[in-house]
N, C-alpha and C. Protein backbone atom coordinates (compact mmCIF):
# COMPACT_ATOMS: atom_id res chain seq x y z
N UNK A 1 -14.72 -1.05 -9.74
CA UNK A 1 -14.26 -1.52 -11.01
C UNK A 1 -14.88 -2.87 -11.33
N UNK A 2 -14.96 -3.73 -10.31
CA UNK A 2 -15.49 -5.09 -10.52
C UNK A 2 -16.94 -5.02 -10.94
N UNK A 3 -17.76 -4.19 -10.35
CA UNK A 3 -19.19 -4.12 -10.66
C UNK A 3 -19.38 -3.53 -12.07
N UNK A 4 -18.59 -2.55 -12.47
CA UNK A 4 -18.75 -1.93 -13.77
C UNK A 4 -18.39 -2.91 -14.85
N UNK A 5 -17.39 -3.77 -14.70
CA UNK A 5 -16.94 -4.64 -15.74
C UNK A 5 -17.39 -6.08 -15.60
N UNK A 6 -18.33 -6.34 -14.73
CA UNK A 6 -18.71 -7.75 -14.45
C UNK A 6 -19.29 -8.46 -15.67
N UNK A 7 -19.88 -7.75 -16.58
CA UNK A 7 -20.50 -8.40 -17.73
C UNK A 7 -19.58 -8.44 -18.96
N UNK A 8 -18.49 -7.72 -18.90
CA UNK A 8 -17.54 -7.73 -20.06
C UNK A 8 -16.39 -8.67 -19.88
N UNK A 9 -16.15 -9.22 -18.69
CA UNK A 9 -15.01 -10.10 -18.45
C UNK A 9 -15.40 -11.53 -18.78
N UNK A 10 -14.41 -12.25 -19.29
CA UNK A 10 -14.63 -13.68 -19.51
C UNK A 10 -14.32 -14.42 -18.17
N UNK A 11 -14.66 -15.68 -18.19
CA UNK A 11 -14.54 -16.45 -16.95
C UNK A 11 -13.10 -16.56 -16.48
N UNK A 12 -12.17 -16.64 -17.42
CA UNK A 12 -10.75 -16.75 -17.10
C UNK A 12 -10.26 -15.53 -16.35
N UNK A 13 -10.64 -14.34 -16.86
CA UNK A 13 -10.21 -13.08 -16.21
C UNK A 13 -10.83 -12.96 -14.83
N UNK A 14 -12.05 -13.40 -14.70
CA UNK A 14 -12.75 -13.35 -13.41
C UNK A 14 -12.06 -14.27 -12.39
N UNK A 15 -11.68 -15.46 -12.83
CA UNK A 15 -10.98 -16.40 -11.93
C UNK A 15 -9.63 -15.83 -11.47
N UNK A 16 -8.89 -15.20 -12.42
CA UNK A 16 -7.63 -14.63 -12.03
C UNK A 16 -7.82 -13.50 -11.06
N UNK A 17 -8.83 -12.67 -11.27
CA UNK A 17 -9.13 -11.58 -10.35
C UNK A 17 -9.49 -12.09 -8.94
N UNK A 18 -10.33 -13.14 -8.92
CA UNK A 18 -10.71 -13.71 -7.62
C UNK A 18 -9.52 -14.38 -6.94
N UNK A 19 -8.66 -15.01 -7.71
CA UNK A 19 -7.47 -15.58 -7.08
C UNK A 19 -6.57 -14.51 -6.54
N UNK A 20 -6.54 -13.35 -7.24
CA UNK A 20 -5.80 -12.18 -6.73
C UNK A 20 -6.37 -11.68 -5.40
N UNK A 21 -7.69 -11.69 -5.31
CA UNK A 21 -8.31 -11.30 -4.01
C UNK A 21 -7.92 -12.27 -2.91
N UNK A 22 -7.97 -13.58 -3.21
CA UNK A 22 -7.60 -14.59 -2.20
C UNK A 22 -6.13 -14.42 -1.83
N UNK A 23 -5.28 -14.18 -2.81
CA UNK A 23 -3.85 -13.97 -2.59
C UNK A 23 -3.63 -12.75 -1.69
N UNK A 24 -4.32 -11.64 -1.98
CA UNK A 24 -4.17 -10.44 -1.18
C UNK A 24 -4.64 -10.63 0.26
N UNK A 25 -5.75 -11.39 0.41
CA UNK A 25 -6.25 -11.64 1.76
C UNK A 25 -5.33 -12.57 2.57
N UNK A 26 -4.71 -13.54 1.87
CA UNK A 26 -3.74 -14.40 2.55
C UNK A 26 -2.53 -13.67 3.00
N UNK A 27 -2.02 -12.74 2.17
CA UNK A 27 -0.89 -11.89 2.56
C UNK A 27 -1.28 -11.01 3.74
N UNK A 28 -2.50 -10.42 3.68
CA UNK A 28 -2.92 -9.61 4.82
C UNK A 28 -3.07 -10.42 6.08
N UNK A 29 -3.60 -11.64 5.98
CA UNK A 29 -3.70 -12.50 7.17
C UNK A 29 -2.34 -12.87 7.67
N UNK A 30 -1.34 -13.06 6.81
CA UNK A 30 -0.02 -13.39 7.20
C UNK A 30 0.60 -12.22 7.99
N UNK A 31 0.35 -11.00 7.56
CA UNK A 31 0.87 -9.83 8.27
C UNK A 31 0.22 -9.70 9.64
N UNK A 32 -1.10 -9.89 9.69
CA UNK A 32 -1.82 -9.81 10.97
C UNK A 32 -1.30 -10.91 11.91
N UNK A 33 -1.04 -12.11 11.39
CA UNK A 33 -0.59 -13.21 12.20
C UNK A 33 0.79 -12.88 12.82
N UNK A 34 1.63 -12.32 11.97
CA UNK A 34 3.00 -11.97 12.49
C UNK A 34 2.90 -10.90 13.53
N UNK A 35 2.14 -9.87 13.31
CA UNK A 35 2.00 -8.77 14.27
C UNK A 35 1.40 -9.26 15.54
N UNK A 36 0.26 -9.96 15.42
CA UNK A 36 -0.46 -10.41 16.60
C UNK A 36 0.38 -11.43 17.40
N UNK A 37 0.99 -12.40 16.70
CA UNK A 37 1.82 -13.36 17.39
C UNK A 37 3.02 -12.79 18.07
N UNK A 38 3.69 -11.84 17.39
CA UNK A 38 4.84 -11.17 17.96
C UNK A 38 4.45 -10.37 19.18
N UNK A 39 3.31 -9.73 19.11
CA UNK A 39 2.83 -8.95 20.23
C UNK A 39 2.54 -9.83 21.44
N UNK A 40 1.83 -10.93 21.17
CA UNK A 40 1.45 -11.82 22.27
C UNK A 40 2.66 -12.54 22.89
N UNK A 41 3.67 -12.86 22.05
CA UNK A 41 4.84 -13.60 22.57
C UNK A 41 5.80 -12.68 23.31
N UNK A 42 6.04 -11.47 22.75
CA UNK A 42 7.14 -10.67 23.26
C UNK A 42 6.72 -9.46 24.10
N UNK A 43 5.46 -8.99 23.96
CA UNK A 43 5.10 -7.76 24.62
C UNK A 43 4.03 -7.95 25.70
N UNK A 44 2.88 -8.49 25.31
CA UNK A 44 1.69 -8.44 26.15
C UNK A 44 1.60 -9.70 27.02
N UNK A 45 1.34 -9.51 28.26
CA UNK A 45 1.08 -10.62 29.17
C UNK A 45 -0.31 -10.40 29.82
N UNK A 46 -1.10 -11.41 29.82
CA UNK A 46 -2.42 -11.37 30.46
C UNK A 46 -2.30 -11.91 31.84
N UNK A 47 -2.77 -11.14 32.82
CA UNK A 47 -2.82 -11.63 34.19
C UNK A 47 -4.29 -11.57 34.63
N UNK A 48 -5.06 -12.50 34.23
CA UNK A 48 -6.47 -12.55 34.59
C UNK A 48 -6.67 -13.48 35.78
N UNK A 49 -7.59 -13.06 36.65
CA UNK A 49 -7.82 -13.81 37.86
C UNK A 49 -8.49 -15.13 37.58
N UNK A 50 -9.46 -15.13 36.72
CA UNK A 50 -10.21 -16.34 36.40
C UNK A 50 -9.71 -16.92 35.10
N UNK A 51 -9.58 -18.26 35.07
CA UNK A 51 -9.10 -18.95 33.88
C UNK A 51 -10.12 -18.81 32.74
N UNK A 52 -11.41 -18.70 33.03
CA UNK A 52 -12.43 -18.60 31.98
C UNK A 52 -12.39 -17.32 31.21
N UNK A 53 -11.80 -16.29 31.82
CA UNK A 53 -11.75 -14.97 31.16
C UNK A 53 -10.63 -14.89 30.09
N UNK A 54 -9.71 -15.83 30.17
CA UNK A 54 -8.60 -15.86 29.23
C UNK A 54 -9.06 -16.35 27.84
N UNK A 55 -8.81 -15.58 26.78
CA UNK A 55 -9.19 -16.01 25.47
C UNK A 55 -8.47 -17.32 25.10
N UNK A 56 -9.15 -18.23 24.39
CA UNK A 56 -8.57 -19.52 24.09
C UNK A 56 -7.40 -19.42 23.13
N UNK A 57 -7.47 -18.46 22.22
CA UNK A 57 -6.40 -18.36 21.20
C UNK A 57 -5.10 -17.93 21.80
N UNK A 58 -5.07 -17.37 23.01
CA UNK A 58 -3.80 -17.02 23.63
C UNK A 58 -3.03 -18.25 24.05
N UNK A 59 -3.70 -19.34 24.35
CA UNK A 59 -3.03 -20.57 24.72
C UNK A 59 -2.40 -21.28 23.55
N UNK A 60 -2.78 -20.87 22.33
CA UNK A 60 -2.27 -21.59 21.15
C UNK A 60 -1.12 -20.90 20.46
N UNK A 61 -0.63 -19.78 21.01
CA UNK A 61 0.43 -19.06 20.31
C UNK A 61 1.73 -19.22 21.10
N UNK A 62 2.72 -19.74 20.46
CA UNK A 62 4.11 -19.69 20.90
C UNK A 62 4.96 -19.52 19.64
N UNK A 63 6.22 -19.31 19.82
CA UNK A 63 7.08 -19.01 18.66
C UNK A 63 7.18 -20.19 17.68
N UNK A 64 7.07 -21.41 18.16
CA UNK A 64 7.12 -22.58 17.31
C UNK A 64 5.86 -22.71 16.42
N UNK A 65 4.72 -22.58 17.07
CA UNK A 65 3.46 -22.71 16.29
C UNK A 65 3.30 -21.52 15.33
N UNK A 66 3.80 -20.37 15.74
CA UNK A 66 3.74 -19.19 14.84
C UNK A 66 4.57 -19.43 13.59
N UNK A 67 5.74 -20.04 13.74
CA UNK A 67 6.55 -20.37 12.58
C UNK A 67 5.82 -21.35 11.66
N UNK A 68 5.15 -22.32 12.22
CA UNK A 68 4.42 -23.29 11.44
C UNK A 68 3.28 -22.61 10.65
N UNK A 69 2.51 -21.75 11.36
CA UNK A 69 1.41 -21.05 10.70
C UNK A 69 1.89 -20.12 9.60
N UNK A 70 2.99 -19.44 9.81
CA UNK A 70 3.51 -18.51 8.83
C UNK A 70 4.01 -19.31 7.65
N UNK A 71 4.73 -20.39 7.84
CA UNK A 71 5.23 -21.18 6.71
C UNK A 71 4.10 -21.83 5.92
N UNK A 72 3.05 -22.23 6.59
CA UNK A 72 1.89 -22.79 5.86
C UNK A 72 1.19 -21.72 5.06
N UNK A 73 1.16 -20.50 5.57
CA UNK A 73 0.57 -19.38 4.86
C UNK A 73 1.42 -19.06 3.59
N UNK A 74 2.72 -19.11 3.74
CA UNK A 74 3.55 -18.85 2.57
C UNK A 74 3.36 -19.94 1.52
N UNK A 75 3.21 -21.21 1.95
CA UNK A 75 2.95 -22.27 1.01
C UNK A 75 1.57 -22.07 0.31
N UNK A 76 0.59 -21.55 1.03
CA UNK A 76 -0.73 -21.21 0.44
C UNK A 76 -0.59 -20.12 -0.56
N UNK A 77 0.21 -19.10 -0.25
CA UNK A 77 0.37 -17.99 -1.21
C UNK A 77 1.07 -18.44 -2.50
N UNK A 78 2.07 -19.32 -2.37
CA UNK A 78 2.71 -19.84 -3.54
C UNK A 78 1.77 -20.70 -4.38
N UNK A 79 0.90 -21.42 -3.71
CA UNK A 79 -0.12 -22.19 -4.45
C UNK A 79 -1.08 -21.33 -5.24
N UNK A 80 -1.43 -20.18 -4.70
CA UNK A 80 -2.30 -19.29 -5.45
C UNK A 80 -1.64 -18.79 -6.70
N UNK A 81 -0.31 -18.55 -6.63
CA UNK A 81 0.39 -18.12 -7.87
C UNK A 81 0.39 -19.23 -8.93
N UNK A 82 0.54 -20.46 -8.48
CA UNK A 82 0.50 -21.58 -9.43
C UNK A 82 -0.89 -21.75 -10.00
N UNK A 83 -1.91 -21.54 -9.19
CA UNK A 83 -3.27 -21.64 -9.72
C UNK A 83 -3.54 -20.54 -10.77
N UNK A 84 -2.98 -19.36 -10.58
CA UNK A 84 -3.12 -18.31 -11.56
C UNK A 84 -2.47 -18.76 -12.87
N UNK A 85 -1.32 -19.39 -12.79
CA UNK A 85 -0.71 -19.89 -14.04
C UNK A 85 -1.57 -20.93 -14.75
N UNK A 86 -2.22 -21.79 -14.00
CA UNK A 86 -3.04 -22.81 -14.60
C UNK A 86 -4.35 -22.29 -15.17
N UNK A 87 -4.78 -21.13 -14.69
CA UNK A 87 -5.97 -20.52 -15.30
C UNK A 87 -5.59 -20.04 -16.68
N UNK A 88 -4.40 -19.50 -16.84
CA UNK A 88 -3.94 -19.01 -18.17
C UNK A 88 -2.99 -20.05 -18.76
N UNK A 89 -3.39 -21.31 -18.82
CA UNK A 89 -2.49 -22.36 -19.17
C UNK A 89 -1.96 -22.26 -20.58
N UNK A 90 -2.73 -21.70 -21.50
CA UNK A 90 -2.24 -21.59 -22.89
C UNK A 90 -1.23 -20.49 -23.07
N UNK A 91 -1.20 -19.52 -22.15
CA UNK A 91 -0.23 -18.42 -22.24
C UNK A 91 0.82 -18.50 -21.14
N UNK A 92 0.99 -19.65 -20.52
CA UNK A 92 1.86 -19.78 -19.39
C UNK A 92 3.28 -20.08 -19.86
N UNK A 93 4.28 -19.40 -19.23
CA UNK A 93 5.68 -19.69 -19.39
C UNK A 93 5.99 -20.88 -18.49
N UNK A 94 6.23 -22.06 -19.07
CA UNK A 94 6.42 -23.23 -18.27
C UNK A 94 7.72 -23.25 -17.42
N UNK A 95 8.71 -22.54 -17.92
CA UNK A 95 9.93 -22.41 -17.08
C UNK A 95 9.64 -21.73 -15.79
N UNK A 96 8.89 -20.61 -15.86
CA UNK A 96 8.52 -19.86 -14.67
C UNK A 96 7.59 -20.70 -13.77
N UNK A 97 6.63 -21.45 -14.41
CA UNK A 97 5.74 -22.26 -13.62
C UNK A 97 6.48 -23.39 -12.91
N UNK A 98 7.44 -23.98 -13.60
CA UNK A 98 8.24 -25.03 -12.96
C UNK A 98 8.99 -24.50 -11.73
N UNK A 99 9.50 -23.30 -11.86
CA UNK A 99 10.18 -22.66 -10.73
C UNK A 99 9.19 -22.37 -9.61
N UNK A 100 8.01 -21.96 -9.93
CA UNK A 100 6.98 -21.69 -8.91
C UNK A 100 6.60 -22.97 -8.19
N UNK A 101 6.46 -24.06 -8.97
CA UNK A 101 6.09 -25.35 -8.37
C UNK A 101 7.22 -25.83 -7.46
N UNK A 102 8.48 -25.65 -7.85
CA UNK A 102 9.58 -26.06 -6.96
C UNK A 102 9.59 -25.20 -5.72
N UNK A 103 9.36 -23.94 -5.85
CA UNK A 103 9.30 -23.11 -4.65
C UNK A 103 8.16 -23.48 -3.73
N UNK A 104 7.01 -23.83 -4.33
CA UNK A 104 5.87 -24.25 -3.54
C UNK A 104 6.15 -25.56 -2.79
N UNK A 105 6.75 -26.51 -3.49
CA UNK A 105 7.08 -27.81 -2.88
C UNK A 105 8.07 -27.61 -1.74
N UNK A 106 9.11 -26.79 -1.96
CA UNK A 106 10.04 -26.50 -0.88
C UNK A 106 9.36 -25.83 0.31
N UNK A 107 8.51 -24.84 0.02
CA UNK A 107 7.79 -24.16 1.11
C UNK A 107 6.89 -25.14 1.88
N UNK A 108 6.23 -26.02 1.16
CA UNK A 108 5.35 -27.01 1.77
C UNK A 108 6.12 -28.00 2.62
N UNK A 109 7.23 -28.52 2.06
CA UNK A 109 8.02 -29.46 2.82
C UNK A 109 8.62 -28.83 4.05
N UNK A 110 9.12 -27.58 3.92
CA UNK A 110 9.67 -26.94 5.09
C UNK A 110 8.63 -26.65 6.15
N UNK A 111 7.40 -26.32 5.70
CA UNK A 111 6.28 -26.09 6.68
C UNK A 111 5.94 -27.41 7.40
N UNK A 112 5.89 -28.47 6.64
CA UNK A 112 5.58 -29.78 7.25
C UNK A 112 6.70 -30.24 8.17
N UNK A 113 7.93 -29.95 7.84
CA UNK A 113 9.03 -30.30 8.72
C UNK A 113 9.01 -29.47 9.99
N UNK A 114 8.69 -28.19 9.85
CA UNK A 114 8.55 -27.33 11.07
C UNK A 114 7.43 -27.82 11.98
N UNK A 115 6.30 -28.23 11.34
CA UNK A 115 5.20 -28.75 12.11
C UNK A 115 5.58 -30.04 12.84
N UNK A 116 6.31 -30.90 12.12
CA UNK A 116 6.74 -32.15 12.71
C UNK A 116 7.69 -31.94 13.85
N UNK A 117 8.65 -31.03 13.68
CA UNK A 117 9.59 -30.71 14.74
C UNK A 117 8.87 -30.11 15.93
N UNK A 118 7.92 -29.21 15.67
CA UNK A 118 7.21 -28.60 16.77
C UNK A 118 6.39 -29.64 17.53
N UNK A 119 5.79 -30.56 16.77
CA UNK A 119 4.97 -31.63 17.39
C UNK A 119 5.82 -32.52 18.24
N UNK A 120 7.01 -32.89 17.79
CA UNK A 120 7.90 -33.78 18.56
C UNK A 120 8.44 -33.04 19.77
N UNK A 121 8.78 -31.77 19.65
CA UNK A 121 9.31 -31.04 20.82
C UNK A 121 8.27 -30.56 21.80
N UNK A 122 6.98 -30.59 21.42
CA UNK A 122 5.89 -30.16 22.32
C UNK A 122 4.81 -31.24 22.45
N UNK A 123 5.13 -32.47 22.87
CA UNK A 123 4.11 -33.51 22.91
C UNK A 123 3.08 -33.24 23.97
N UNK A 124 3.44 -32.54 25.08
CA UNK A 124 2.50 -32.26 26.14
C UNK A 124 1.43 -31.27 25.71
N UNK A 125 1.73 -30.40 24.73
CA UNK A 125 0.79 -29.36 24.26
C UNK A 125 -0.45 -30.00 23.69
N UNK A 126 -0.34 -31.09 22.91
CA UNK A 126 -1.48 -31.73 22.32
C UNK A 126 -2.42 -32.30 23.36
N UNK A 127 -1.86 -32.83 24.44
CA UNK A 127 -2.67 -33.41 25.51
C UNK A 127 -3.34 -32.36 26.36
N UNK A 128 -2.71 -31.21 26.54
CA UNK A 128 -3.24 -30.13 27.39
C UNK A 128 -4.35 -29.37 26.66
N UNK A 129 -4.40 -29.36 25.32
CA UNK A 129 -5.30 -28.54 24.57
C UNK A 129 -6.25 -29.32 23.69
N UNK A 130 -6.72 -30.41 24.20
CA UNK A 130 -7.73 -31.21 23.47
C UNK A 130 -9.05 -30.51 23.50
N UNK A 131 -9.74 -30.58 22.37
CA UNK A 131 -11.10 -29.99 22.28
C UNK A 131 -12.10 -30.89 23.05
N UNK A 132 -13.03 -30.25 23.75
CA UNK A 132 -14.06 -31.09 24.44
C UNK A 132 -14.99 -31.76 23.44
N UNK A 133 -15.35 -32.98 23.73
CA UNK A 133 -16.19 -33.72 22.80
C UNK A 133 -17.66 -33.46 23.08
């Protein structure tokens, strides 16, 4: 459908469609993150003999950081909805947009608070997982 109508759409419709693609991919990534994180935390245990064989991303998943990543993803999804409103700014219901902005701010603040709480309760994690320079 995109290829057939690429020359008949105006820029505004194209931006809304692309924001829809970004929104859909963020929701899909959120689902994958929840499934993968839940599997790694609750089901699967790796017992590898050599430390080098262990994938690095396994060391970065625990229930606290999973909550932070999910809440930041939700804040990103709410931001995409607000961006869609601003693309159609002349046809936007400002009452609805104000509610979306409030929801986004609450989601962002709660994500930042979760990240701060996780950081305070896991100070040793930052020192153990520094990237090599």
